[in-house]
N, C-alpha and C. Protein backbone atom coordinates (compact mmCIF):
# COMPACT_ATOMS: atom_id res chain seq x y z
N UNK A 1 1.17 -1.24 0.05
CA UNK A 1 0.16 0.34 -0.16
C UNK A 1 0.84 1.63 0.02
N UNK A 2 0.33 2.14 -0.40
CA UNK A 2 1.70 3.30 -1.51
C UNK A 2 0.47 4.58 -0.66
N UNK A 3 0.87 5.51 0.40
CA UNK A 3 -0.07 6.37 0.36
C UNK A 3 0.69 7.70 0.72
N UNK A 4 0.12 8.86 -0.12
CA UNK A 4 0.75 9.95 -0.08
C UNK A 4 0.29 11.09 1.27
N UNK A 5 1.01 10.89 2.48
CA UNK A 5 1.14 11.30 3.71
C UNK A 5 0.80 12.67 3.82
N UNK A 6 1.05 13.50 2.71
CA UNK A 6 0.85 14.76 2.64
C UNK A 6 -0.40 15.33 2.33
N UNK A 7 -1.41 14.37 2.09
CA UNK A 7 -3.06 14.49 2.42
C UNK A 7 -3.24 14.64 3.55
N UNK A 8 -2.68 13.78 4.57
CA UNK A 8 -2.83 13.94 5.97
C UNK A 8 -1.95 14.74 7.05
N UNK A 9 -1.95 16.02 6.76
CA UNK A 9 -0.76 16.57 7.59
C UNK A 9 -0.95 16.93 9.12
N UNK A 10 -1.68 16.43 9.72
CA UNK A 10 -1.75 16.11 11.33
C UNK A 10 -1.29 14.76 11.73
N UNK A 11 -1.69 13.77 10.80
CA UNK A 11 -0.89 12.48 10.88
C UNK A 11 0.67 12.47 10.34
N UNK A 12 0.70 13.17 9.58
CA UNK A 12 2.70 13.01 9.15
C UNK A 12 3.24 13.99 10.02
N UNK A 13 2.67 15.50 10.72
CA UNK A 13 3.17 16.09 11.67
C UNK A 13 3.69 15.13 13.01
N UNK A 14 2.37 14.65 12.97
CA UNK A 14 2.53 13.68 14.36
C UNK A 14 3.52 12.47 14.54
N UNK A 15 3.80 11.84 13.46
CA UNK A 15 4.81 11.27 12.70
C UNK A 15 5.90 12.06 12.82
N UNK A 16 6.22 12.83 12.03
CA UNK A 16 8.02 13.81 12.31
C UNK A 16 8.12 14.21 13.71
N UNK A 17 7.17 14.77 14.50
CA UNK A 17 7.22 14.74 15.98
C UNK A 17 7.74 13.54 16.64
N UNK A 18 7.95 12.21 16.08
CA UNK A 18 8.47 11.11 16.83
C UNK A 18 7.05 10.88 17.90
N UNK A 19 5.90 10.91 17.32
CA UNK A 19 4.69 10.81 18.15
C UNK A 19 4.26 9.47 17.32
N UNK A 20 3.59 8.77 18.53
CA UNK A 20 3.22 7.53 18.17
C UNK A 20 1.37 7.70 17.74
N UNK A 21 0.95 7.10 16.33
CA UNK A 21 -0.62 6.97 16.27
C UNK A 21 -1.25 6.20 16.60
N UNK A 22 -1.81 6.23 17.22
CA UNK A 22 -3.09 4.96 17.65
C UNK A 22 -4.43 5.05 17.25
N UNK A 23 -5.13 4.63 16.39
CA UNK A 23 -6.20 4.55 15.71
C UNK A 23 -7.04 2.90 15.88
N UNK A 24 -8.04 3.18 16.43
CA UNK A 24 -8.91 2.27 16.89
C UNK A 24 -9.73 1.94 15.58
N UNK A 25 -10.20 2.79 15.09
CA UNK A 25 -11.06 2.62 13.84
C UNK A 25 -10.82 3.81 13.00
N UNK A 26 -10.24 3.43 11.73
CA UNK A 26 -9.63 4.61 10.56
C UNK A 26 -11.01 4.70 10.10
N UNK A 27 -11.71 4.39 9.90
CA UNK A 27 -13.19 4.84 9.39
C UNK A 27 -13.60 5.84 10.18
N UNK A 28 -13.43 6.29 11.42
CA UNK A 28 -13.94 6.92 12.39
C UNK A 28 -13.07 8.14 12.54
N UNK A 29 -11.78 8.14 12.36
CA UNK A 29 -10.63 8.65 12.77
C UNK A 29 -10.82 10.08 11.73
N UNK A 30 -10.56 11.38 12.72
CA UNK A 30 -10.26 12.88 11.73
C UNK A 30 -9.21 12.91 11.15
N UNK A 31 -7.98 12.35 12.03
CA UNK A 31 -6.25 12.66 11.66
C UNK A 31 -6.09 11.91 10.50
N UNK A 32 -6.99 10.22 10.06
CA UNK A 32 -6.64 9.69 9.06
C UNK A 32 -7.93 9.89 7.95
N UNK A 33 -9.22 10.70 8.09
CA UNK A 33 -9.60 10.87 6.96
C UNK A 33 -9.61 11.12 5.60
N UNK A 34 -8.39 12.01 5.28
CA UNK A 34 -7.95 12.30 4.02
C UNK A 34 -7.16 10.53 3.32
N UNK A 35 -6.93 9.83 4.19
CA UNK A 35 -6.18 8.46 4.06
C UNK A 35 -7.11 7.43 3.92
N UNK A 36 -8.65 7.90 4.47
CA UNK A 36 -9.25 6.54 5.08
C UNK A 36 -9.67 5.66 3.74
N UNK A 37 -9.88 6.05 2.18
CA UNK A 37 -9.89 5.14 1.15
C UNK A 37 -8.73 4.46 0.78
N UNK A 38 -7.80 5.28 1.20
CA UNK A 38 -6.34 3.98 0.43
C UNK A 38 -6.56 3.03 1.69
N UNK A 39 -6.98 3.49 2.78
CA UNK A 39 -6.42 2.23 4.07
C UNK A 39 -7.82 1.33 4.06
N UNK A 40 -8.77 1.66 3.70
CA UNK A 40 -10.07 0.64 3.29
C UNK A 40 -9.70 -0.28 2.81
N UNK A 41 -8.78 0.48 1.09
CA UNK A 41 -8.23 -0.70 0.00
C UNK A 41 -7.25 -1.44 0.66
N UNK A 42 -6.30 -1.05 1.48
CA UNK A 42 -5.54 -2.04 2.04
C UNK A 42 -5.58 -2.87 2.98
N UNK A 43 -7.11 -2.84 3.84
CA UNK A 43 -7.98 -3.79 4.65
C UNK A 43 -7.54 -3.25 6.03
N UNK A 44 -7.11 -2.27 6.16
CA UNK A 44 -6.71 -1.32 7.41
C UNK A 44 -7.87 -0.72 8.08
N UNK A 45 -8.50 -1.54 9.29
CA UNK A 45 -9.48 -0.70 9.74
C UNK A 45 -8.91 -0.09 11.16
N UNK A 46 -7.78 -0.74 11.76
CA UNK A 46 -7.19 0.12 12.82
C UNK A 46 -5.56 -0.35 12.69
N UNK A 47 -4.83 0.77 13.14
CA UNK A 47 -3.05 1.09 13.02
C UNK A 47 -3.00 1.71 14.30
N UNK A 48 -1.49 1.14 14.31
CA UNK A 48 -0.54 1.68 15.48
C UNK A 48 0.71 1.54 15.04
N UNK A 49 0.85 3.20 14.68
CA UNK A 49 2.83 3.44 13.62
C UNK A 49 3.08 4.21 14.84
N UNK A 50 4.00 3.38 14.87
CA UNK A 50 5.68 4.05 15.66
C UNK A 50 6.63 4.42 15.06
N UNK A 51 7.09 6.00 14.75
CA UNK A 51 8.28 6.32 14.00
C UNK A 51 9.42 5.69 14.58
N UNK A 52 10.41 5.44 13.22
CA UNK A 52 11.87 4.97 13.42
C UNK A 52 12.68 6.23 13.46
N UNK A 53 13.36 6.53 14.10
CA UNK A 53 13.80 8.08 14.11
C UNK A 53 15.44 7.27 14.14
N UNK A 54 16.07 8.70 13.22
CA UNK A 54 17.51 8.63 13.46
C UNK A 54 18.11 10.04 13.60
N UNK A 55 19.16 10.59 13.73
CA UNK A 55 19.37 11.69 14.23
C UNK A 55 19.12 12.59 12.97
N UNK A 56 19.20 12.25 11.93
CA UNK A 56 18.77 13.10 10.86
C UNK A 56 16.83 13.13 10.66
N UNK A 57 16.06 12.38 11.64
CA UNK A 57 14.74 12.49 11.26
C UNK A 57 14.04 11.46 11.15
N UNK A 58 12.64 11.01 10.89
CA UNK A 58 12.41 9.67 10.54
C UNK A 58 12.59 9.38 9.40
N UNK A 59 13.19 7.77 9.22
CA UNK A 59 13.48 7.22 8.47
C UNK A 59 12.51 5.96 8.49
N UNK A 60 11.30 5.99 8.94
CA UNK A 60 10.70 4.65 8.75
C UNK A 60 9.54 4.63 9.38
N UNK A 61 8.61 3.78 9.65
CA UNK A 61 7.68 3.63 10.28
C UNK A 61 7.43 1.86 10.87
N UNK A 62 7.23 1.52 12.11
CA UNK A 62 6.83 0.62 12.55
C UNK A 62 5.36 0.46 12.50
N UNK A 63 4.54 -0.40 11.90
CA UNK A 63 3.24 -0.34 11.75
C UNK A 63 2.88 -1.80 12.29
N UNK A 64 1.35 -1.61 13.16
CA UNK A 64 0.40 -2.97 13.61
C UNK A 64 -0.57 -2.38 12.84
N UNK A 65 -0.83 -3.26 12.01
CA UNK A 65 -2.24 -2.90 11.27
C UNK A 65 -3.36 -4.11 11.58
N UNK A 66 -4.83 -3.71 11.56
CA UNK A 66 -5.72 -4.73 11.90
C UNK A 66 -6.74 -4.52 11.14
N UNK A 67 -7.30 -5.61 10.12
CA UNK A 67 -8.45 -5.64 9.05
C UNK A 67 -9.61 -5.27 9.91
N UNK A 68 -9.73 -5.14 11.21
CA UNK A 68 -11.36 -4.84 11.84
C UNK A 68 -10.95 -3.77 13.09
N UNK A 69 -11.95 -2.85 13.41
CA UNK A 69 -11.70 -1.71 14.56
C UNK A 69 -10.81 -2.37 15.72
N UNK A 70 -10.20 -2.10 16.20
CA UNK A 70 -9.89 -2.56 17.92
C UNK A 70 -9.20 -1.52 18.66
N UNK A 71 -9.03 -2.24 19.80
CA UNK A 71 -8.31 -1.10 20.84
C UNK A 71 -7.15 -1.71 21.23
N UNK A 72 -6.09 -0.99 20.77
CA UNK A 72 -4.64 -1.28 21.09
C UNK A 72 -4.31 -1.88 22.45
N UNK A 73 -3.92 -2.55 22.70
CA UNK A 73 -3.17 -2.75 23.99
C UNK A 73 -2.10 -2.01 25.12
N UNK A 74 -2.01 -1.76 26.01
CA UNK A 74 -0.62 -1.12 26.44
C UNK A 74 0.61 -2.07 26.12
N UNK A 75 0.63 -3.14 26.22
CA UNK A 75 1.70 -4.11 25.98
C UNK A 75 1.64 -3.89 24.50
N UNK A 76 1.04 -3.95 23.54
CA UNK A 76 1.23 -3.32 22.20
C UNK A 76 2.14 -2.39 21.72
N UNK A 77 1.48 -1.27 22.14
CA UNK A 77 2.12 -0.19 22.30
C UNK A 77 3.50 -0.05 22.46
N UNK A 78 3.64 -0.64 24.10
CA UNK A 78 5.03 -0.71 24.62
C UNK A 78 5.99 -1.41 23.67
N UNK A 79 5.39 -3.08 23.15
CA UNK A 79 6.29 -3.93 22.42
C UNK A 79 7.00 -3.20 21.19
N UNK A 80 6.06 -2.21 20.63
CA UNK A 80 6.17 -1.69 19.04
C UNK A 80 7.08 -0.63 19.54
N UNK A 81 7.02 0.27 20.34
CA UNK A 81 8.13 1.01 20.95
C UNK A 81 9.09 0.91 21.06
N UNK A 82 9.44 -0.24 22.01
CA UNK A 82 10.69 -1.01 22.39
C UNK A 82 11.20 -1.23 21.01
N UNK A 83 10.61 -2.04 20.13
CA UNK A 83 10.97 -2.50 18.88
C UNK A 83 11.85 -1.64 18.12
N UNK A 84 10.76 -0.32 17.76
CA UNK A 84 11.53 0.83 16.87
C UNK A 84 12.75 1.43 17.81
N UNK A 85 13.11 1.46 19.14
CA UNK A 85 13.65 2.04 19.66
C UNK A 85 15.21 1.22 19.40
N UNK A 86 14.95 -0.05 19.51
CA UNK A 86 16.15 -1.20 19.14
C UNK A 86 16.51 -0.89 17.70
N UNK A 87 15.64 -0.57 16.88
CA UNK A 87 15.72 -0.17 15.43
C UNK A 87 16.70 1.07 15.43
N UNK A 88 16.43 2.12 16.09
CA UNK A 88 17.14 3.09 16.05
C UNK A 88 18.59 2.72 16.60
N UNK A 89 18.80 1.98 17.53
CA UNK A 89 20.12 1.84 17.89
C UNK A 89 20.80 0.80 16.94
N UNK A 90 20.01 -0.05 16.13
CA UNK A 90 21.07 -0.65 15.08
C UNK A 90 21.32 0.36 13.96
N UNK A 91 20.46 1.17 13.38
CA UNK A 91 20.63 2.19 12.64
C UNK A 91 21.80 3.07 12.96
N UNK A 92 21.99 3.76 14.22
CA UNK A 92 23.07 4.23 14.60
C UNK A 92 24.61 3.52 14.92
N UNK A 93 24.35 2.23 14.83
CA UNK A 93 25.10 1.46 14.76
C UNK A 93 25.74 1.25 13.03
N UNK A 94 24.80 1.03 12.43
CA UNK A 94 25.45 0.82 11.11
C UNK A 94 26.16 2.06 10.58
N UNK A 95 25.42 3.27 10.77
CA UNK A 95 25.74 4.55 10.66
C UNK A 95 26.87 4.99 10.85
N UNK A 96 27.00 4.47 12.21
CA UNK A 96 28.72 4.27 12.92
C UNK A 96 29.80 3.78 12.07
N UNK A 97 29.32 2.71 11.94
CA UNK A 97 30.22 1.56 11.51
C UNK A 97 30.31 2.02 9.79
N UNK A 98 29.49 2.49 9.10
CA UNK A 98 29.69 3.54 7.70
C UNK A 98 30.33 4.65 7.82
N UNK A 99 30.13 5.52 8.84
CA UNK A 99 31.24 6.60 8.84
C UNK A 99 32.80 6.07 9.17
N UNK A 100 32.82 5.00 10.14
CA UNK A 100 34.46 4.59 10.52
C UNK A 100 35.00 4.21 9.35
N UNK A 101 34.21 3.34 8.27
CA UNK A 101 34.58 2.67 6.98
C UNK A 101 34.86 4.49 5.83
N UNK A 102 34.49 5.33 5.98
CA UNK A 102 34.60 6.22 4.97
C UNK A 102 35.72 6.63 5.48
N UNK A 103 35.70 6.77 6.80
CA UNK A 103 37.19 7.69 7.59
C UNK A 103 38.40 7.03 7.36
N UNK A 104 38.12 5.81 7.41
CA UNK A 104 39.36 4.71 7.35
C UNK A 104 39.95 4.61 6.07
N UNK A 105 38.82 4.75 4.90
CA UNK A 105 39.16 5.34 2.92
C UNK A 105 39.80 6.32 3.33
N UNK A 106 39.46 7.37 3.81
CA UNK A 106 40.05 8.95 3.74
C UNK A 106 41.40 8.92 4.10
N UNK A 107 41.54 8.36 4.90
CA UNK A 107 42.92 8.30 5.99
C UNK A 107 43.94 7.30 5.22
N UNK A 108 43.34 6.46 4.74
CA UNK A 108 44.33 5.78 3.72
C UNK A 108 44.57 6.27 2.40
N UNK A 109 43.66 6.61 1.94
CA UNK A 109 44.03 7.96 0.56
C UNK A 109 44.96 9.23 1.07
N UNK A 110 44.82 9.78 2.24
CA UNK A 110 45.74 10.84 2.43
C UNK A 110 46.92 10.32 2.87
N UNK A 111 46.92 9.48 3.34
CA UNK A 111 48.63 8.43 3.80
C UNK A 111 49.01 8.13 2.62
N UNK A 112 48.39 7.59 1.49
CA UNK A 112 49.13 7.68 0.27
C UNK A 112 49.23 8.73 -0.64
N UNK A 113 48.49 9.89 -0.76
CA UNK A 113 49.01 11.02 -1.16
C UNK A 113 50.46 11.53 -0.57
N UNK A 114 50.21 11.27 0.79
CA UNK A 114 51.27 12.31 2.04
C UNK A 114 52.88 10.84 1.40
N UNK A 115 52.48 10.10 1.03
CA UNK A 115 53.59 9.10 0.69
C UNK A 115 54.30 9.20 -0.91
N UNK A 116 53.32 9.74 -1.44
CA UNK A 116 53.61 9.73 -2.95
C UNK A 116 54.54 11.29 -3.08
N UNK A 117 53.70 12.22 -2.14
CA UNK A 117 54.23 13.22 -2.13
C UNK A 117 55.86 13.57 -1.51
N UNK A 118 55.43 12.75 -0.29
CA UNK A 118 57.22 12.60 0.15
C UNK A 118 58.03 11.95 -0.31
N UNK A 119 57.78 11.01 -1.12
CA UNK A 119 58.79 10.73 -2.37
C UNK A 119 58.73 11.14 -3.43
N UNK A 120 57.96 12.21 -3.95
CA UNK A 120 58.69 12.51 -5.42
C UNK A 120 59.43 14.14 -4.74
N UNK A 121 59.67 14.16 -3.72
CA UNK A 121 60.47 15.39 -3.32
C UNK A 121 62.20 15.18 -4.17
N UNK A 122 62.76 16.07 -4.90
CA UNK A 122 63.78 15.86 -4.98
C UNK A 122 65.08 16.19 -3.78
N UNK A 123 64.49 16.52 -2.97
CA UNK A 123 65.35 17.05 -1.96
C UNK A 123 65.47 16.04 -0.82
N UNK A 124 66.55 16.65 -0.09
CA UNK A 124 66.77 15.32 1.14
C UNK A 124 65.72 15.36 2.25
N UNK A 125 64.84 14.28 2.87
CA UNK A 125 63.97 14.85 3.87
C UNK A 125 64.25 13.63 4.40
N UNK A 126 64.51 13.82 5.76
CA UNK A 126 64.27 13.01 6.77
C UNK A 126 63.19 13.54 8.21
N UNK A 127 62.81 12.08 8.89
CA UNK A 127 62.12 13.06 9.77
C UNK A 127 63.24 11.91 10.81
N UNK A 128 63.10 12.78 12.33
CA UNK A 128 63.92 12.16 13.32
C UNK A 128 63.01 12.22 14.69
N UNK A 129 63.60 11.37 15.69
CA UNK A 129 63.05 11.09 16.79
C UNK A 129 63.48 11.93 17.72
N UNK A 130 63.34 11.72 19.38
CA UNK A 130 64.03 12.95 19.82
C UNK A 130 65.37 12.34 20.18
N UNK A 131 65.52 11.03 19.74
CA UNK A 131 66.70 10.85 20.08
C UNK A 131 67.61 10.50 19.10
N UNK A 132 67.58 11.51 17.84
CA UNK A 132 68.70 11.59 16.75
C UNK A 132 68.19 10.33 15.83
N UNK A 133 67.38 9.43 15.94
CA UNK A 133 66.95 8.49 15.17
C UNK A 133 66.07 8.66 14.22
N UNK A 134 66.22 8.36 12.84
CA UNK A 134 65.70 8.45 11.79
C UNK A 134 64.11 7.31 11.46
N UNK A 135 63.37 8.39 11.49
CA UNK A 135 62.30 7.66 11.58
C UNK A 135 61.37 7.53 10.34
N UNK A 136 61.47 8.24 9.02
CA UNK A 136 61.43 8.36 8.10
C UNK A 136 62.36 9.05 6.78
N UNK A 137 62.45 8.20 6.23
CA UNK A 137 63.16 9.02 5.35
C UNK A 137 63.15 9.27 3.46
N UNK A 138 62.96 10.10 2.74
CA UNK A 138 62.37 10.35 1.62
C UNK A 138 63.56 9.21 0.43
N UNK A 139 62.67 9.11 -0.87
CA UNK A 139 63.79 8.29 -1.45
C UNK A 139 65.12 9.05 -2.03
N UNK A 140 64.70 10.34 -2.15
CA UNK A 140 66.18 11.23 -2.61
C UNK A 140 66.98 11.01 -1.27
N UNK A 141 66.76 11.19 -0.06
CA UNK A 141 67.33 10.63 1.32
C UNK A 141 68.15 9.09 1.23
N UNK A 142 67.52 8.31 0.82
CA UNK A 142 68.09 7.24 0.63
C UNK A 142 69.20 7.22 -0.46
N UNK A 143 68.86 7.74 -1.48
CA UNK A 143 69.48 7.16 -2.91
C UNK A 143 70.66 8.21 -2.50
N UNK A 144 70.91 9.25 -1.79
CA UNK A 144 72.17 9.77 -1.34
C UNK A 144 73.07 8.94 -0.97
N UNK A 145 72.42 8.14 -0.10
CA UNK A 145 73.34 7.34 0.92
C UNK A 145 73.42 6.11 0.32
N UNK A 146 72.73 5.83 -0.82
CA UNK A 146 73.20 4.69 -1.49
C UNK A 146 72.44 3.16 -0.74
N UNK A 147 70.99 3.76 -0.32
CA UNK A 147 70.78 2.75 0.68
C UNK A 147 68.89 2.84 0.05
N UNK A 148 68.25 1.67 0.61
CA UNK A 148 66.89 1.65 0.89
C UNK A 148 66.43 2.28 2.00
N UNK A 149 65.13 3.55 1.80
CA UNK A 149 64.95 3.82 3.10
C UNK A 149 64.64 2.94 4.54
N UNK A 150 64.27 1.95 4.04
CA UNK A 150 63.85 1.02 5.33
C UNK A 150 65.48 0.39 5.55
N UNK A 151 66.37 0.60 5.03
CA UNK A 151 67.71 0.45 5.74
C UNK A 151 68.52 1.39 6.49
N UNK A 152 67.45 2.68 6.72
CA UNK A 152 68.12 3.88 7.09
C UNK A 152 67.71 4.06 8.28
N UNK A 153 65.92 3.85 8.26
CA UNK A 153 65.45 3.70 9.32
C UNK A 153 65.43 2.89 10.67
N UNK A 154 65.92 4.01 11.95
CA UNK A 154 66.32 3.22 13.27
C UNK A 154 67.49 3.70 13.64
N UNK A 155 68.75 4.18 12.17
CA UNK A 155 70.01 4.39 12.77
C UNK A 155 69.88 6.06 13.12
N UNK A 156 70.49 6.51 13.51
CA UNK A 156 71.06 7.97 14.25
C UNK A 156 71.40 8.60 12.62
N UNK A 157 70.84 10.00 13.22
CA UNK A 157 71.23 11.08 11.97
C UNK A 157 72.70 11.09 12.05
N UNK A 158 73.39 11.14 13.02
CA UNK A 158 74.84 11.31 13.45
C UNK A 158 75.79 10.18 12.30
N UNK A 159 75.16 9.09 12.70
CA UNK A 159 75.87 7.60 12.43
C UNK A 159 75.77 8.06 10.89
N UNK A 160 74.57 8.30 10.13
CA UNK A 160 74.36 8.44 8.83
C UNK A 160 75.13 9.59 8.09
N UNK A 161 74.96 10.74 8.93
CA UNK A 161 75.36 11.67 8.05
C UNK A 161 76.48 11.68 8.22
N UNK A 162 76.84 12.27 9.37
CA UNK A 162 78.18 12.58 10.08
C UNK A 162 79.57 11.35 10.29
N UNK A 163 79.12 10.14 9.88
CA UNK A 163 79.48 8.78 10.10
C UNK A 163 79.97 8.64 11.76
N UNK A 164 79.45 9.05 12.71
CA UNK A 164 80.15 9.13 14.15
C UNK A 164 79.09 8.23 14.86
N UNK A 165 79.56 8.18 16.03
CA UNK A 165 78.85 7.30 17.11
C UNK A 165 77.82 8.03 18.13
N UNK A 166 78.34 9.28 17.58
CA UNK A 166 77.38 10.40 18.86
C UNK A 166 77.23 11.17 18.38
N UNK A 167 76.42 12.13 18.93
CA UNK A 167 76.06 13.79 18.54
C UNK A 167 77.35 14.67 18.34
N UNK A 168 76.80 15.62 17.91
CA UNK A 168 78.31 16.63 18.06
C UNK A 168 78.20 17.43 19.43
N UNK A 169 78.87 17.57 19.95
CA UNK A 169 79.05 18.16 21.29
C UNK A 169 78.33 19.63 21.13
N UNK A 170 77.46 20.13 21.94
CA UNK A 170 76.50 21.21 22.14
C UNK A 170 77.47 22.86 22.32
N UNK A 171 77.19 23.63 21.77
CA UNK A 171 78.32 24.90 22.09
C UNK A 171 78.07 25.66 23.12
């Protein structure tokens, strides 16, 4: 069943405000009067609709429909409300995982771009830690010392540059 909910603006407004819509008899409910014909065609005489919400608004409805008028019990309302809450948590979890995947892809792309840029420089570039050890060197640096970058990482800059086993004394 497909319905244009804008034809029942009060019903739509209630759902968008995260309000449950509980109707015992669709044919007598003023809120759903504009949708009564389509509801009857779908054999819906009573309904219990709970919006499923995400941070960006309503993403769907969880609906109990009945082919005859009925009064919905507190248990039915509570059960459907709880299921909608669980769906919201599941959607948030999926959304968070997707955001993390996107961030990982973006991070990998940026790392690759950085690596390409780092190695395309024709000047000597090296990154040292506080103990003067080489953490990263670019290709130009490695070529200058006739080595592969991984052969130089871990060595001290004074060992590579000055061929000494200690840094120069501070003046």
